[in-house]
Amino acid sequence: MITVDEIMTTDVQTLTTGDSLAAAARLMSERGFRHIPILDDSQALIGLVSQSDVLAASASNLSSEPAARGPGEIRIGEIMTRDLATVDERANLRQAALHLQRNKFGCLPVVQNGKLRGIVTDSDFVAVAINLLEQIELQDIDEA
């Protein structure tokens, strides 16, 4: 059985609820991320901010009204998703992929005992699929 820990990213950049929308946008832009886990003071996973969350919050605050707040004034805690689906690092990779697909999630944080261990994204599964297709193509060439 192939498990989530075999493909998950473990070098995960995180933010806190007090960080700004601007900080999330900058991190996503600089590192090419589409998802940022949000941790509390005890390093427990409490939320997730996606690229679409950042774009939606940025667009909703593009206003000429004096009350509009800039990206530096909006806190991550205001826009993050709190009700998260997570996965254990020992979970079956196929089942995790099916869960992503059925629920149209872009990622699953990998958590053990409430602590973030990594993240697995739809891009990780595409990479696995590409690798498998390449192996099948090589096998077909060898058999020809």
N, C-alpha and C. Protein backbone atom coordinates (compact mmCIF):
# COMPACT_ATOMS: atom_id res chain seq x y z
N MET A 1 0.84 -1.17 0.00
CA MET A 1 0.00 0.00 0.00
C MET A 1 0.89 1.25 0.00
N ILE A 2 0.60 2.16 -0.90
CA ILE A 2 1.31 3.43 -0.95
C ILE A 2 0.59 4.39 -0.01
N THR A 3 1.36 5.10 0.81
CA THR A 3 0.76 5.98 1.80
C THR A 3 1.05 7.45 1.49
N VAL A 4 0.29 8.32 2.10
CA VAL A 4 0.38 9.76 1.88
C VAL A 4 1.79 10.28 2.16
N ASP A 5 2.45 9.74 3.18
CA ASP A 5 3.78 10.25 3.53
C ASP A 5 4.82 10.06 2.44
N GLU A 6 4.53 9.23 1.46
CA GLU A 6 5.47 9.00 0.37
C GLU A 6 5.48 10.13 -0.66
N ILE A 7 4.42 10.94 -0.67
CA ILE A 7 4.38 12.04 -1.65
C ILE A 7 4.13 13.41 -1.03
N MET A 8 3.82 13.45 0.25
CA MET A 8 3.47 14.75 0.86
C MET A 8 4.68 15.68 0.91
N THR A 9 4.38 16.96 0.91
CA THR A 9 5.40 17.99 1.09
C THR A 9 5.54 18.22 2.59
N THR A 10 6.76 18.16 3.08
CA THR A 10 6.98 18.35 4.51
C THR A 10 7.55 19.73 4.84
N ASP A 11 8.10 20.41 3.86
CA ASP A 11 8.62 21.76 4.08
C ASP A 11 7.48 22.75 3.83
N VAL A 12 6.57 22.84 4.79
CA VAL A 12 5.35 23.61 4.63
C VAL A 12 5.52 24.98 5.29
N GLN A 13 5.22 26.01 4.54
CA GLN A 13 5.23 27.37 5.08
C GLN A 13 3.85 27.63 5.68
N THR A 14 3.82 28.21 6.86
CA THR A 14 2.56 28.46 7.55
C THR A 14 2.46 29.93 7.95
N LEU A 15 1.25 30.31 8.31
CA LEU A 15 0.98 31.65 8.84
C LEU A 15 0.11 31.48 10.09
N THR A 16 -0.17 32.60 10.75
CA THR A 16 -1.06 32.60 11.90
C THR A 16 -2.26 33.49 11.59
N THR A 17 -3.25 33.44 12.45
CA THR A 17 -4.46 34.24 12.23
C THR A 17 -4.17 35.73 12.24
N GLY A 18 -3.11 36.14 12.91
CA GLY A 18 -2.77 37.56 12.98
C GLY A 18 -2.00 38.08 11.78
N ASP A 19 -1.51 37.18 10.93
CA ASP A 19 -0.81 37.62 9.72
C ASP A 19 -1.80 38.25 8.76
N SER A 20 -1.29 39.05 7.86
CA SER A 20 -2.17 39.81 6.96
C SER A 20 -2.42 39.09 5.64
N LEU A 21 -3.47 39.54 4.98
CA LEU A 21 -3.77 39.09 3.62
C LEU A 21 -2.58 39.37 2.71
N ALA A 22 -1.94 40.52 2.90
CA ALA A 22 -0.77 40.88 2.10
C ALA A 22 0.36 39.87 2.30
N ALA A 23 0.56 39.40 3.53
CA ALA A 23 1.60 38.41 3.81
C ALA A 23 1.31 37.10 3.10
N ALA A 24 0.05 36.69 3.09
CA ALA A 24 -0.34 35.45 2.40
C ALA A 24 -0.13 35.59 0.90
N ALA A 25 -0.55 36.72 0.35
CA ALA A 25 -0.39 36.95 -1.10
C ALA A 25 1.09 36.95 -1.48
N ARG A 26 1.91 37.57 -0.66
CA ARG A 26 3.35 37.63 -0.93
C ARG A 26 3.98 36.24 -0.87
N LEU A 27 3.65 35.46 0.15
CA LEU A 27 4.18 34.11 0.29
C LEU A 27 3.77 33.23 -0.89
N MET A 28 2.52 33.34 -1.29
CA MET A 28 2.04 32.55 -2.42
C MET A 28 2.76 32.95 -3.70
N SER A 29 2.94 34.21 -3.89
CA SER A 29 3.62 34.70 -5.10
C SER A 29 5.08 34.31 -5.13
N GLU A 30 5.77 34.50 -4.02
CA GLU A 30 7.21 34.21 -3.97
C GLU A 30 7.52 32.73 -4.05
N ARG A 31 6.70 31.90 -3.41
CA ARG A 31 6.99 30.46 -3.32
C ARG A 31 6.17 29.60 -4.27
N GLY A 32 5.20 30.21 -4.95
CA GLY A 32 4.37 29.46 -5.88
C GLY A 32 3.37 28.54 -5.20
N PHE A 33 2.98 28.87 -3.99
CA PHE A 33 2.00 28.07 -3.25
C PHE A 33 0.58 28.47 -3.63
N ARG A 34 -0.34 27.51 -3.47
CA ARG A 34 -1.76 27.82 -3.63
C ARG A 34 -2.53 27.59 -2.34
N HIS A 35 -1.84 27.04 -1.32
CA HIS A 35 -2.49 26.75 -0.03
C HIS A 35 -1.50 27.02 1.09
N ILE A 36 -1.97 27.68 2.15
CA ILE A 36 -1.12 27.94 3.31
C ILE A 36 -1.87 27.50 4.57
N PRO A 37 -1.34 26.52 5.29
CA PRO A 37 -1.94 26.13 6.56
C PRO A 37 -1.77 27.25 7.60
N ILE A 38 -2.76 27.37 8.47
CA ILE A 38 -2.74 28.38 9.52
C ILE A 38 -2.63 27.66 10.86
N LEU A 39 -1.64 28.06 11.66
CA LEU A 39 -1.39 27.43 12.96
C LEU A 39 -1.68 28.40 14.09
N ASP A 40 -2.04 27.83 15.25
CA ASP A 40 -2.21 28.67 16.44
C ASP A 40 -0.89 28.76 17.19
N ASP A 41 -0.91 29.37 18.36
CA ASP A 41 0.33 29.57 19.13
C ASP A 41 0.98 28.27 19.57
N SER A 42 0.20 27.21 19.70
CA SER A 42 0.76 25.91 20.10
C SER A 42 1.13 25.05 18.89
N GLN A 43 1.13 25.66 17.71
CA GLN A 43 1.49 25.00 16.46
C GLN A 43 0.47 23.96 15.99
N ALA A 44 -0.76 24.06 16.49
CA ALA A 44 -1.84 23.18 16.04
C ALA A 44 -2.49 23.79 14.80
N LEU A 45 -2.88 22.94 13.87
CA LEU A 45 -3.55 23.38 12.65
C LEU A 45 -4.97 23.86 12.99
N ILE A 46 -5.29 25.11 12.61
CA ILE A 46 -6.62 25.64 12.90
C ILE A 46 -7.33 26.17 11.66
N GLY A 47 -6.63 26.21 10.52
CA GLY A 47 -7.26 26.73 9.32
C GLY A 47 -6.38 26.58 8.11
N LEU A 48 -6.90 27.08 6.99
CA LEU A 48 -6.20 27.01 5.72
C LEU A 48 -6.64 28.20 4.88
N VAL A 49 -5.69 28.80 4.19
CA VAL A 49 -5.99 29.87 3.25
C VAL A 49 -5.56 29.40 1.87
N SER A 50 -6.46 29.50 0.92
CA SER A 50 -6.14 29.11 -0.45
C SER A 50 -5.93 30.36 -1.31
N GLN A 51 -5.36 30.13 -2.46
CA GLN A 51 -5.15 31.23 -3.40
C GLN A 51 -6.48 31.88 -3.76
N SER A 52 -7.52 31.09 -3.91
CA SER A 52 -8.83 31.66 -4.25
C SER A 52 -9.38 32.49 -3.09
N ASP A 53 -9.09 32.10 -1.84
CA ASP A 53 -9.50 32.92 -0.68
C ASP A 53 -8.82 34.28 -0.73
N VAL A 54 -7.53 34.28 -1.05
CA VAL A 54 -6.76 35.53 -1.11
C VAL A 54 -7.29 36.41 -2.24
N LEU A 55 -7.52 35.81 -3.40
CA LEU A 55 -8.03 36.59 -4.53
C LEU A 55 -9.42 37.15 -4.25
N ALA A 56 -10.29 36.35 -3.64
CA ALA A 56 -11.65 36.81 -3.33
C ALA A 56 -11.61 37.94 -2.32
N ALA A 57 -10.79 37.82 -1.28
CA ALA A 57 -10.70 38.87 -0.27
C ALA A 57 -10.10 40.14 -0.85
N SER A 58 -9.15 39.98 -1.74
CA SER A 58 -8.53 41.15 -2.38
C SER A 58 -9.54 41.85 -3.28
N ALA A 59 -10.30 41.08 -4.04
CA ALA A 59 -11.28 41.66 -4.97
C ALA A 59 -12.41 42.35 -4.21
N SER A 60 -12.84 41.76 -3.10
CA SER A 60 -13.95 42.35 -2.36
C SER A 60 -13.55 43.65 -1.66
N ASN A 61 -12.26 43.88 -1.53
CA ASN A 61 -11.80 45.09 -0.87
C ASN A 61 -11.29 46.15 -1.85
N LEU A 62 -11.48 45.89 -3.13
CA LEU A 62 -11.12 46.89 -4.12
C LEU A 62 -12.28 47.87 -4.24
N SER A 63 -12.20 48.89 -3.49
CA SER A 63 -13.30 49.86 -3.45
C SER A 63 -12.72 51.25 -3.24
N SER A 64 -13.41 52.22 -3.76
CA SER A 64 -12.96 53.61 -3.57
C SER A 64 -13.56 54.21 -2.30
N GLU A 65 -14.38 53.41 -1.61
CA GLU A 65 -14.99 53.92 -0.38
C GLU A 65 -13.93 54.06 0.71
N PRO A 66 -14.03 55.08 1.52
CA PRO A 66 -13.05 55.31 2.58
C PRO A 66 -12.96 54.15 3.57
N ALA A 67 -14.04 53.40 3.74
CA ALA A 67 -14.06 52.31 4.72
C ALA A 67 -13.32 51.07 4.23
N ALA A 68 -12.99 51.00 2.95
CA ALA A 68 -12.31 49.82 2.41
C ALA A 68 -10.94 49.66 3.06
N ARG A 69 -10.60 48.42 3.40
CA ARG A 69 -9.31 48.14 4.04
C ARG A 69 -8.34 47.57 3.02
N GLY A 70 -7.10 47.89 3.16
CA GLY A 70 -6.07 47.36 2.28
C GLY A 70 -5.66 45.96 2.71
N PRO A 71 -4.93 45.24 1.85
CA PRO A 71 -4.49 43.88 2.16
C PRO A 71 -3.64 43.77 3.41
N GLY A 72 -2.97 44.84 3.78
CA GLY A 72 -2.17 44.81 5.00
C GLY A 72 -3.00 44.91 6.26
N GLU A 73 -4.25 45.32 6.13
CA GLU A 73 -5.14 45.49 7.28
C GLU A 73 -6.05 44.30 7.52
N ILE A 74 -6.20 43.44 6.53
CA ILE A 74 -7.09 42.28 6.65
C ILE A 74 -6.28 41.13 7.24
N ARG A 75 -6.78 40.52 8.30
CA ARG A 75 -6.09 39.43 8.97
C ARG A 75 -6.54 38.08 8.41
N ILE A 76 -5.60 37.15 8.39
CA ILE A 76 -5.87 35.80 7.88
C ILE A 76 -7.04 35.15 8.61
N GLY A 77 -7.15 35.40 9.90
CA GLY A 77 -8.25 34.84 10.68
C GLY A 77 -9.62 35.23 10.17
N GLU A 78 -9.70 36.31 9.42
CA GLU A 78 -10.98 36.76 8.87
C GLU A 78 -11.38 36.00 7.60
N ILE A 79 -10.41 35.45 6.90
CA ILE A 79 -10.72 34.84 5.60
C ILE A 79 -10.44 33.35 5.51
N MET A 80 -9.76 32.79 6.51
CA MET A 80 -9.35 31.39 6.41
C MET A 80 -10.54 30.44 6.54
N THR A 81 -10.36 29.25 6.00
CA THR A 81 -11.31 28.17 6.16
C THR A 81 -10.97 27.45 7.45
N ARG A 82 -11.96 27.28 8.31
CA ARG A 82 -11.70 26.67 9.62
C ARG A 82 -12.10 25.19 9.69
N ASP A 83 -13.12 24.82 8.96
CA ASP A 83 -13.61 23.44 9.00
C ASP A 83 -12.85 22.64 7.94
N LEU A 84 -11.76 22.01 8.36
CA LEU A 84 -10.86 21.37 7.41
C LEU A 84 -10.99 19.86 7.38
N ALA A 85 -10.82 19.31 6.19
CA ALA A 85 -10.61 17.88 6.05
C ALA A 85 -9.10 17.68 6.13
N THR A 86 -8.67 16.71 6.91
CA THR A 86 -7.24 16.40 7.03
C THR A 86 -7.05 14.92 6.80
N VAL A 87 -5.78 14.53 6.72
CA VAL A 87 -5.45 13.13 6.50
C VAL A 87 -4.25 12.77 7.35
N ASP A 88 -4.17 11.54 7.77
CA ASP A 88 -3.03 11.02 8.51
C ASP A 88 -1.94 10.62 7.52
N GLU A 89 -0.70 10.74 7.91
CA GLU A 89 0.40 10.42 6.99
C GLU A 89 0.44 8.95 6.60
N ARG A 90 -0.19 8.09 7.37
CA ARG A 90 -0.21 6.65 7.04
C ARG A 90 -1.43 6.26 6.21
N ALA A 91 -2.23 7.25 5.82
CA ALA A 91 -3.44 6.97 5.04
C ALA A 91 -3.10 6.43 3.66
N ASN A 92 -3.98 5.62 3.15
CA ASN A 92 -3.84 5.05 1.82
C ASN A 92 -3.89 6.18 0.78
N LEU A 93 -2.93 6.21 -0.11
CA LEU A 93 -2.81 7.28 -1.10
C LEU A 93 -4.02 7.32 -2.05
N ARG A 94 -4.49 6.17 -2.48
CA ARG A 94 -5.64 6.12 -3.38
C ARG A 94 -6.88 6.69 -2.70
N GLN A 95 -7.10 6.33 -1.45
CA GLN A 95 -8.26 6.84 -0.72
C GLN A 95 -8.17 8.36 -0.53
N ALA A 96 -6.97 8.86 -0.27
CA ALA A 96 -6.79 10.31 -0.13
C ALA A 96 -7.09 11.01 -1.45
N ALA A 97 -6.63 10.42 -2.56
CA ALA A 97 -6.89 11.01 -3.88
C ALA A 97 -8.38 11.02 -4.18
N LEU A 98 -9.06 9.95 -3.87
CA LEU A 98 -10.52 9.90 -4.08
C LEU A 98 -11.24 10.94 -3.23
N HIS A 99 -10.78 11.14 -2.02
CA HIS A 99 -11.38 12.15 -1.13
C HIS A 99 -11.21 13.55 -1.72
N LEU A 100 -10.02 13.84 -2.22
CA LEU A 100 -9.78 15.13 -2.88
C LEU A 100 -10.71 15.32 -4.06
N GLN A 101 -10.80 14.29 -4.89
CA GLN A 101 -11.61 14.38 -6.11
C GLN A 101 -13.09 14.53 -5.80
N ARG A 102 -13.60 13.70 -4.90
CA ARG A 102 -15.04 13.74 -4.58
C ARG A 102 -15.46 15.09 -3.99
N ASN A 103 -14.60 15.66 -3.18
CA ASN A 103 -14.94 16.90 -2.49
C ASN A 103 -14.43 18.16 -3.18
N LYS A 104 -13.73 17.95 -4.30
CA LYS A 104 -13.16 19.07 -5.07
C LYS A 104 -12.24 19.94 -4.21
N PHE A 105 -11.43 19.26 -3.36
CA PHE A 105 -10.44 19.95 -2.55
C PHE A 105 -9.16 20.11 -3.37
N GLY A 106 -8.41 21.15 -3.09
CA GLY A 106 -7.12 21.35 -3.75
C GLY A 106 -5.98 20.75 -2.95
N CYS A 107 -6.24 20.49 -1.66
CA CYS A 107 -5.18 19.91 -0.82
C CYS A 107 -5.80 19.26 0.41
N LEU A 108 -4.97 18.47 1.06
CA LEU A 108 -5.30 17.90 2.36
C LEU A 108 -4.10 18.13 3.28
N PRO A 109 -4.29 18.87 4.36
CA PRO A 109 -3.20 18.95 5.33
C PRO A 109 -3.00 17.58 5.97
N VAL A 110 -1.76 17.23 6.21
CA VAL A 110 -1.42 15.95 6.83
C VAL A 110 -1.15 16.24 8.31
N VAL A 111 -1.97 15.63 9.16
CA VAL A 111 -1.94 15.95 10.59
C VAL A 111 -1.80 14.67 11.41
N GLN A 112 -1.01 14.79 12.46
CA GLN A 112 -0.91 13.69 13.41
C GLN A 112 -0.97 14.29 14.81
N ASN A 113 -1.91 13.84 15.62
CA ASN A 113 -2.13 14.36 16.97
C ASN A 113 -2.33 15.88 16.98
N GLY A 114 -3.06 16.39 15.97
CA GLY A 114 -3.36 17.81 15.89
C GLY A 114 -2.24 18.68 15.35
N LYS A 115 -1.09 18.10 15.11
CA LYS A 115 0.07 18.86 14.63
C LYS A 115 0.26 18.62 13.13
N LEU A 116 0.58 19.69 12.44
CA LEU A 116 0.80 19.63 10.99
C LEU A 116 2.10 18.89 10.69
N ARG A 117 2.02 17.86 9.86
CA ARG A 117 3.21 17.09 9.47
C ARG A 117 3.60 17.37 8.02
N GLY A 118 2.61 17.83 7.22
CA GLY A 118 2.87 18.09 5.81
C GLY A 118 1.58 18.47 5.12
N ILE A 119 1.66 18.46 3.79
CA ILE A 119 0.47 18.77 2.98
C ILE A 119 0.58 17.96 1.69
N VAL A 120 -0.55 17.48 1.22
CA VAL A 120 -0.61 16.78 -0.05
C VAL A 120 -1.62 17.53 -0.91
N THR A 121 -1.21 17.85 -2.14
CA THR A 121 -2.04 18.67 -3.02
C THR A 121 -2.44 17.90 -4.27
N ASP A 122 -3.40 18.49 -5.00
CA ASP A 122 -3.80 17.89 -6.26
C ASP A 122 -2.61 17.82 -7.22
N SER A 123 -1.70 18.77 -7.14
CA SER A 123 -0.49 18.74 -7.99
C SER A 123 0.40 17.55 -7.66
N ASP A 124 0.44 17.14 -6.39
CA ASP A 124 1.22 15.96 -6.00
C ASP A 124 0.64 14.72 -6.67
N PHE A 125 -0.69 14.65 -6.74
CA PHE A 125 -1.32 13.49 -7.38
C PHE A 125 -1.13 13.51 -8.89
N VAL A 126 -1.10 14.67 -9.49
CA VAL A 126 -0.81 14.76 -10.93
C VAL A 126 0.61 14.26 -11.19
N ALA A 127 1.55 14.61 -10.32
CA ALA A 127 2.92 14.15 -10.47
C ALA A 127 3.00 12.62 -10.38
N VAL A 128 2.24 12.03 -9.48
CA VAL A 128 2.19 10.57 -9.36
C VAL A 128 1.62 9.97 -10.64
N ALA A 129 0.55 10.54 -11.16
CA ALA A 129 -0.06 10.04 -12.39
C ALA A 129 0.91 10.12 -13.56
N ILE A 130 1.63 11.22 -13.68
CA ILE A 130 2.62 11.37 -14.75
C ILE A 130 3.69 10.30 -14.63
N ASN A 131 4.17 10.09 -13.42
CA ASN A 131 5.20 9.07 -13.19
C ASN A 131 4.70 7.69 -13.60
N LEU A 132 3.47 7.36 -13.22
CA LEU A 132 2.90 6.06 -13.59
C LEU A 132 2.72 5.92 -15.10
N LEU A 133 2.28 6.98 -15.77
CA LEU A 133 2.12 6.95 -17.22
C LEU A 133 3.46 6.75 -17.92
N GLU A 134 4.50 7.40 -17.41
CA GLU A 134 5.84 7.23 -17.98
C GLU A 134 6.31 5.80 -17.82
N GLN A 135 6.04 5.20 -16.66
CA GLN A 135 6.44 3.81 -16.43
C GLN A 135 5.71 2.86 -17.38
N ILE A 136 4.41 3.12 -17.60
CA ILE A 136 3.63 2.29 -18.53
C ILE A 136 4.16 2.44 -19.95
N GLU A 137 4.48 3.67 -20.36
CA GLU A 137 5.02 3.90 -21.70
C GLU A 137 6.36 3.19 -21.88
N LEU A 138 7.22 3.22 -20.88
CA LEU A 138 8.51 2.55 -20.97
C LEU A 138 8.31 1.04 -21.05
N GLN A 139 7.34 0.53 -20.30
CA GLN A 139 7.05 -0.90 -20.33
C GLN A 139 6.54 -1.31 -21.71
N ASP A 140 5.68 -0.48 -22.33
CA ASP A 140 5.16 -0.75 -23.66
C ASP A 140 6.29 -0.78 -24.69
N ILE A 141 7.25 0.14 -24.56
CA ILE A 141 8.39 0.18 -25.48
C ILE A 141 9.24 -1.08 -25.33
N ASP A 142 9.48 -1.51 -24.10
CA ASP A 142 10.29 -2.71 -23.85
C ASP A 142 9.62 -3.96 -24.39
N GLU A 143 8.28 -4.00 -24.39
CA GLU A 143 7.55 -5.18 -24.84
C GLU A 143 7.40 -5.18 -26.37
N ALA A 144 7.62 -4.05 -27.03
CA ALA A 144 7.45 -3.98 -28.47
C ALA A 144 8.63 -4.56 -29.22
